[in-house]
Amino acid sequence: MENNFKVNMNEYLPLRDVVFNTLRQAILKGELAPGERLMEIQLAEKLGVSRTPIREAIRKLELEGLVLMIPRKGAEVAKISEKSLRDVLEVRRSLEELAIELACQRMSEEDRLPLRAGADLLYLCLSCAHLRGDEGVERHCAGLCLGHGAGLAAPLPGGGALHTAGHWPEWGRGLAAPPDQRRDL
């Protein structure tokens, strides 16, 4: 096990949660490969903790589907197929679209003004880049217009922000359109 992950201590979280977050990130980043065995003693030594928080973290990872427990063999990192990943992303995308739709329904006209202004800026930015025909500039410009490069973020009443999924080019449909052709925000 030649991995470079290490425990990131957070004084506000119990040790089991810190270990869980560390192992979860290592799996998601590919530092722990699919099919790799998770041996408690080695992980405990590597992270500088006892076996108990490792065991608890592995149980939580199993509940998330990131680890498989194999009888008389132990725990190993789950192999995530492309199909299951697509399924998860499809569900996430649907939930994000629903969250945005519900947020927009609950926003006042005054709350929608920053969204409309952002959409106008996005349209202007994409139009200029499109005229030059440079898709790279188009993506960069869209990222700058949106602030994060990943999707639209707009303040919501009472704090927080509204974020879109940030998928290219689907995320811009309806928003990156001329104001008279845009879906109402």
C-alpha atoms as a PDB file:
ATOM      1  CA  MET A   1       0.000   0.000   0.000  1.00  0.00           C
ATOM      2  CA  GLU A   2       2.082   2.918  -1.328  1.00  0.00           C
ATOM      3  CA  ASN A   3      -0.494   5.686  -0.962  1.00  0.00           C
ATOM      4  CA  ASN A   4       0.172   9.326  -0.212  1.00  0.00           C
ATOM      5  CA  PHE A   5      -3.041  10.104   1.655  1.00  0.00           C
ATOM      6  CA  LYS A   6      -2.841  11.248   5.256  1.00  0.00           C
ATOM      7  CA  VAL A   7      -5.272  12.090   7.983  1.00  0.00           C
ATOM      8  CA  ASN A   8      -6.398  15.734   8.088  1.00  0.00           C
ATOM      9  CA  MET A   9      -7.181  16.443  11.719  1.00  0.00           C
ATOM     10  CA  ASN A  10     -10.197  18.575  12.449  1.00  0.00           C
ATOM     11  CA  GLU A  11     -10.526  19.452  16.102  1.00  0.00           C
ATOM     12  CA  TYR A  12     -14.308  19.718  15.799  1.00  0.00           C
ATOM     13  CA  LEU A  13     -14.927  16.206  14.446  1.00  0.00           C
ATOM     14  CA  PRO A  14     -14.660  12.880  16.261  1.00  0.00           C
ATOM     15  CA  LEU A  15     -11.648  10.820  15.192  1.00  0.00           C
ATOM     16  CA  ARG A  16     -13.862   8.203  13.510  1.00  0.00           C
ATOM     17  CA  ASP A  17     -15.308  10.928  11.239  1.00  0.00           C
ATOM     18  CA  VAL A  18     -11.872  12.319  10.442  1.00  0.00           C
ATOM     19  CA  VAL A  19     -10.672   8.813   9.482  1.00  0.00           C
ATOM     20  CA  PHE A  20     -13.867   8.202   7.495  1.00  0.00           C
ATOM     21  CA  ASN A  21     -13.437  11.468   5.548  1.00  0.00           C
ATOM     22  CA  THR A  22      -9.762  10.702   4.903  1.00  0.00           C
ATOM     23  CA  LEU A  23     -10.461   7.199   3.574  1.00  0.00           C
ATOM     24  CA  ARG A  24     -13.474   8.400   1.581  1.00  0.00           C
ATOM     25  CA  GLN A  25     -11.403  11.073  -0.143  1.00  0.00           C
ATOM     26  CA  ALA A  26      -8.609   8.589  -0.811  1.00  0.00           C
ATOM     27  CA  ILE A  27     -11.092   6.257  -2.513  1.00  0.00           C
ATOM     28  CA  LEU A  28     -12.753   9.030  -4.521  1.00  0.00           C
ATOM     29  CA  LYS A  29      -9.390  10.427  -5.657  1.00  0.00           C
ATOM     30  CA  GLY A  30      -8.170   6.965  -6.668  1.00  0.00           C
ATOM     31  CA  GLU A  31      -5.436   6.844  -4.040  1.00  0.00           C
ATOM     32  CA  LEU A  32      -7.048   3.614  -2.873  1.00  0.00           C
ATOM     33  CA  ALA A  33      -7.682   1.647  -6.043  1.00  0.00           C
ATOM     34  CA  PRO A  34     -10.829  -0.358  -6.789  1.00  0.00           C
ATOM     35  CA  GLY A  35     -10.351  -3.917  -5.561  1.00  0.00           C
ATOM     36  CA  GLU A  36      -7.564  -2.933  -3.155  1.00  0.00           C
ATOM     37  CA  ARG A  37      -7.810  -4.631   0.237  1.00  0.00           C
ATOM     38  CA  LEU A  38      -8.239  -2.377   3.242  1.00  0.00           C
ATOM     39  CA  MET A  39      -6.223  -3.899   6.063  1.00  0.00           C
ATOM     40  CA  GLU A  40      -6.991  -2.328   9.426  1.00  0.00           C
ATOM     41  CA  ILE A  41      -3.511  -2.685  10.906  1.00  0.00           C
ATOM     42  CA  GLN A  42      -1.738  -1.104   7.923  1.00  0.00           C
ATOM     43  CA  LEU A  43      -4.273   1.730   7.659  1.00  0.00           C
ATOM     44  CA  ALA A  44      -4.047   2.387  11.407  1.00  0.00           C
ATOM     45  CA  GLU A  45      -0.247   2.599  11.217  1.00  0.00           C
ATOM     46  CA  LYS A  46      -0.348   4.812   8.127  1.00  0.00           C
ATOM     47  CA  LEU A  47      -2.855   7.237   9.649  1.00  0.00           C
ATOM     48  CA  GLY A  48      -1.428   7.087  13.148  1.00  0.00           C
ATOM     49  CA  VAL A  49      -4.645   5.988  14.824  1.00  0.00           C
ATOM     50  CA  SER A  50      -5.918   2.852  16.532  1.00  0.00           C
ATOM     51  CA  ARG A  51      -7.836   0.142  14.693  1.00  0.00           C
ATOM     52  CA  THR A  52     -11.206   1.139  16.192  1.00  0.00           C
ATOM     53  CA  PRO A  53     -11.756   4.340  14.151  1.00  0.00           C
ATOM     54  CA  ILE A  54     -10.495   2.475  11.057  1.00  0.00           C
ATOM     55  CA  ARG A  55     -13.070  -0.278  11.643  1.00  0.00           C
ATOM     56  CA  GLU A  56     -15.869   2.277  12.176  1.00  0.00           C
ATOM     57  CA  ALA A  57     -14.864   4.198   9.049  1.00  0.00           C
ATOM     58  CA  ILE A  58     -14.837   1.027   6.959  1.00  0.00           C
ATOM     59  CA  ARG A  59     -18.372   0.204   8.145  1.00  0.00           C
ATOM     60  CA  LYS A  60     -19.578   3.672   7.128  1.00  0.00           C
ATOM     61  CA  LEU A  61     -17.820   3.362   3.762  1.00  0.00           C
ATOM     62  CA  GLU A  62     -19.587   0.042   3.240  1.00  0.00           C
ATOM     63  CA  LEU A  63     -22.942   1.748   3.863  1.00  0.00           C
ATOM     64  CA  GLU A  64     -22.052   4.330   1.198  1.00  0.00           C
ATOM     65  CA  GLY A  65     -21.183   1.567  -1.260  1.00  0.00           C
ATOM     66  CA  LEU A  66     -17.523   2.559  -1.488  1.00  0.00           C
ATOM     67  CA  VAL A  67     -16.263  -0.566   0.302  1.00  0.00           C
ATOM     68  CA  LEU A  68     -17.285  -4.213   0.051  1.00  0.00           C
ATOM     69  CA  MET A  69     -17.019  -6.599   2.995  1.00  0.00           C
ATOM     70  CA  ILE A  70     -16.046 -10.055   1.770  1.00  0.00           C
ATOM     71  CA  PRO A  71     -16.598 -12.922   4.253  1.00  0.00           C
ATOM     72  CA  ARG A  72     -13.358 -14.446   5.614  1.00  0.00           C
ATOM     73  CA  LYS A  73     -11.337 -12.024   3.498  1.00  0.00           C
ATOM     74  CA  GLY A  74     -12.049  -8.540   4.811  1.00  0.00           C
ATOM     75  CA  ALA A  75     -12.782  -5.167   3.263  1.00  0.00           C
ATOM     76  CA  GLU A  76     -11.850  -3.996  -0.195  1.00  0.00           C
ATOM     77  CA  VAL A  77     -12.501  -0.854  -2.204  1.00  0.00           C
ATOM     78  CA  ALA A  78     -15.612  -1.302  -4.347  1.00  0.00           C
ATOM     79  CA  LYS A  79     -15.283  -1.388  -8.095  1.00  0.00           C
ATOM     80  CA  ILE A  80     -17.527   1.321  -9.464  1.00  0.00           C
ATOM     81  CA  SER A  81     -18.683   0.628 -12.996  1.00  0.00           C
ATOM     82  CA  GLU A  82     -19.187   3.330 -15.576  1.00  0.00           C
ATOM     83  CA  LYS A  83     -22.902   2.491 -15.650  1.00  0.00           C
ATOM     84  CA  SER A  84     -23.347   2.920 -11.893  1.00  0.00           C
ATOM     85  CA  LEU A  85     -21.399   6.193 -12.031  1.00  0.00           C
ATOM     86  CA  ARG A  86     -23.631   7.436 -14.858  1.00  0.00           C
ATOM     87  CA  ASP A  87     -26.703   6.417 -12.841  1.00  0.00           C
ATOM     88  CA  VAL A  88     -25.507   8.358  -9.805  1.00  0.00           C
ATOM     89  CA  LEU A  89     -24.707  11.433 -11.900  1.00  0.00           C
ATOM     90  CA  GLU A  90     -28.097  11.236 -13.605  1.00  0.00           C
ATOM     91  CA  VAL A  91     -29.876  11.188 -10.243  1.00  0.00           C
ATOM     92  CA  ARG A  92     -27.706  14.042  -8.967  1.00  0.00           C
ATOM     93  CA  ARG A  93     -28.413  16.115 -12.063  1.00  0.00           C
ATOM     94  CA  SER A  94     -32.167  15.553 -11.675  1.00  0.00           C
ATOM     95  CA  LEU A  95     -32.042  16.537  -8.007  1.00  0.00           C
ATOM     96  CA  GLU A  96     -30.052  19.683  -8.796  1.00  0.00           C
ATOM     97  CA  GLU A  97     -32.515  20.672 -11.518  1.00  0.00           C
ATOM     98  CA  LEU A  98     -35.411  20.128  -9.110  1.00  0.00           C
ATOM     99  CA  ALA A  99     -33.664  22.168  -6.395  1.00  0.00           C
ATOM    100  CA  ILE A 100     -33.102  25.042  -8.823  1.00  0.00           C
ATOM    101  CA  GLU A 101     -36.686  24.896 -10.071  1.00  0.00           C
ATOM    102  CA  LEU A 102     -38.055  24.961  -6.510  1.00  0.00           C
ATOM    103  CA  ALA A 103     -35.713  27.792  -5.515  1.00  0.00           C
ATOM    104  CA  CYS A 104     -36.825  29.858  -8.513  1.00  0.00           C
ATOM    105  CA  GLN A 105     -40.493  29.244  -7.677  1.00  0.00           C
ATOM    106  CA  ARG A 106     -39.924  30.515  -4.153  1.00  0.00           C
ATOM    107  CA  MET A 107     -37.907  33.590  -5.143  1.00  0.00           C
ATOM    108  CA  SER A 108     -39.461  37.019  -5.293  1.00  0.00           C
ATOM    109  CA  GLU A 109     -39.132  39.198  -8.368  1.00  0.00           C
ATOM    110  CA  GLU A 110     -36.494  41.218  -6.543  1.00  0.00           C
ATOM    111  CA  ASP A 111     -34.513  38.063  -5.772  1.00  0.00           C
ATOM    112  CA  ARG A 112     -34.519  37.120  -9.464  1.00  0.00           C
ATOM    113  CA  LEU A 113     -32.835  40.330 -10.605  1.00  0.00           C
ATOM    114  CA  PRO A 114     -29.255  39.105  -9.921  1.00  0.00           C
ATOM    115  CA  LEU A 115     -30.037  35.887 -11.825  1.00  0.00           C
ATOM    116  CA  ARG A 116     -31.304  37.800 -14.834  1.00  0.00           C
ATOM    117  CA  ALA A 117     -28.291  40.131 -14.740  1.00  0.00           C
ATOM    118  CA  GLY A 118     -25.963  37.121 -14.620  1.00  0.00           C
ATOM    119  CA  ALA A 119     -27.791  35.477 -17.517  1.00  0.00           C
ATOM    120  CA  ASP A 120     -27.508  38.698 -19.568  1.00  0.00           C
ATOM    121  CA  LEU A 121     -23.779  38.870 -18.845  1.00  0.00           C
ATOM    122  CA  LEU A 122     -23.371  35.202 -19.751  1.00  0.00           C
ATOM    123  CA  TYR A 123     -25.199  35.712 -23.051  1.00  0.00           C
ATOM    124  CA  LEU A 124     -23.068  38.747 -23.887  1.00  0.00           C
ATOM    125  CA  CYS A 125     -19.871  36.929 -22.998  1.00  0.00           C
ATOM    126  CA  LEU A 126     -20.750  33.793 -24.985  1.00  0.00           C
ATOM    127  CA  SER A 127     -21.896  35.845 -27.962  1.00  0.00           C
ATOM    128  CA  CYS A 128     -18.574  37.660 -28.167  1.00  0.00           C
ATOM    129  CA  ALA A 129     -16.594  34.419 -27.880  1.00  0.00           C
ATOM    130  CA  HIS A 130     -18.886  32.690 -30.389  1.00  0.00           C
ATOM    131  CA  LEU A 131     -18.272  35.442 -32.946  1.00  0.00           C
ATOM    132  CA  ARG A 132     -14.546  34.713 -32.648  1.00  0.00           C
ATOM    133  CA  GLY A 133     -15.285  30.999 -32.946  1.00  0.00           C
ATOM    134  CA  ASP A 134     -12.962  30.057 -30.100  1.00  0.00           C
ATOM    135  CA  GLU A 135     -14.564  27.393 -27.908  1.00  0.00           C
ATOM    136  CA  GLY A 136     -11.735  27.590 -25.354  1.00  0.00           C
ATOM    137  CA  VAL A 137     -12.278  31.322 -24.940  1.00  0.00           C
ATOM    138  CA  GLU A 138     -16.008  30.653 -24.807  1.00  0.00           C
ATOM    139  CA  ARG A 139     -15.607  28.241 -21.885  1.00  0.00           C
ATOM    140  CA  HIS A 140     -13.144  30.487 -20.072  1.00  0.00           C
ATOM    141  CA  CYS A 141     -15.342  33.522 -20.541  1.00  0.00           C
ATOM    142  CA  ALA A 142     -18.407  31.630 -19.331  1.00  0.00           C
ATOM    143  CA  GLY A 143     -16.480  30.599 -16.232  1.00  0.00           C
ATOM    144  CA  LEU A 144     -15.468  34.175 -15.531  1.00  0.00           C
ATOM    145  CA  CYS A 145     -18.986  35.437 -16.057  1.00  0.00           C
ATOM    146  CA  LEU A 146     -20.339  32.876 -13.629  1.00  0.00           C
ATOM    147  CA  GLY A 147     -17.738  33.412 -10.985  1.00  0.00           C
ATOM    148  CA  HIS A 148     -16.791  29.809 -10.292  1.00  0.00           C
ATOM    149  CA  GLY A 149     -16.173  28.316 -13.714  1.00  0.00           C
ATOM    150  CA  ALA A 150     -18.460  25.474 -12.661  1.00  0.00           C
ATOM    151  CA  GLY A 151     -21.922  26.955 -12.835  1.00  0.00           C
ATOM    152  CA  LEU A 152     -24.205  29.834 -12.073  1.00  0.00           C
ATOM    153  CA  ALA A 153     -24.139  31.059  -8.491  1.00  0.00           C
ATOM    154  CA  ALA A 154     -26.685  33.589  -7.324  1.00  0.00           C
ATOM    155  CA  PRO A 155     -27.445  34.842  -3.827  1.00  0.00           C
ATOM    156  CA  LEU A 156     -30.647  33.592  -2.262  1.00  0.00           C
ATOM    157  CA  PRO A 157     -32.812  35.388   0.262  1.00  0.00           C
ATOM    158  CA  GLY A 158     -31.756  34.585   3.813  1.00  0.00           C
ATOM    159  CA  GLY A 159     -28.200  33.699   2.775  1.00  0.00           C
ATOM    160  CA  GLY A 160     -26.703  30.898   0.756  1.00  0.00           C
ATOM    161  CA  ALA A 161     -26.416  30.651  -2.980  1.00  0.00           C
ATOM    162  CA  LEU A 162     -28.069  28.944  -5.908  1.00  0.00           C
ATOM    163  CA  HIS A 163     -25.654  26.827  -7.969  1.00  0.00           C
ATOM    164  CA  THR A 164     -26.203  25.015 -11.252  1.00  0.00           C
ATOM    165  CA  ALA A 165     -24.539  21.710 -12.002  1.00  0.00           C
ATOM    166  CA  GLY A 166     -21.942  23.308 -14.251  1.00  0.00           C
ATOM    167  CA  HIS A 167     -22.161  20.811 -17.111  1.00  0.00           C
ATOM    168  CA  TRP A 168     -20.906  22.016 -20.510  1.00  0.00           C
ATOM    169  CA  PRO A 169     -22.725  22.644 -22.816  1.00  0.00           C
ATOM    170  CA  GLU A 170     -26.035  21.543 -21.247  1.00  0.00           C
ATOM    171  CA  TRP A 171     -25.856  23.937 -18.300  1.00  0.00           C
ATOM    172  CA  GLY A 172     -26.077  26.981 -20.534  1.00  0.00           C
ATOM    173  CA  ARG A 173     -29.216  25.951 -22.399  1.00  0.00           C
ATOM    174  CA  GLY A 174     -31.999  28.356 -21.649  1.00  0.00           C
ATOM    175  CA  LEU A 175     -29.719  30.752 -19.782  1.00  0.00           C
ATOM    176  CA  ALA A 176     -27.185  31.481 -22.507  1.00  0.00           C
ATOM    177  CA  ALA A 177     -29.894  32.590 -24.896  1.00  0.00           C
ATOM    178  CA  PRO A 178     -30.934  36.060 -25.982  1.00  0.00           C
ATOM    179  CA  PRO A 179     -33.102  37.670 -23.288  1.00  0.00           C
ATOM    180  CA  ASP A 180     -36.221  37.474 -25.467  1.00  0.00           C
ATOM    181  CA  GLN A 181     -35.729  33.683 -26.011  1.00  0.00           C
ATOM    182  CA  ARG A 182     -34.652  32.790 -22.478  1.00  0.00           C
ATOM    183  CA  ARG A 183     -36.708  30.611 -20.190  1.00  0.00           C
ATOM    184  CA  ASP A 184     -38.111  32.809 -17.473  1.00  0.00           C
ATOM    185  CA  LEU A 185     -35.948  32.817 -14.371  1.00  0.00           C
END
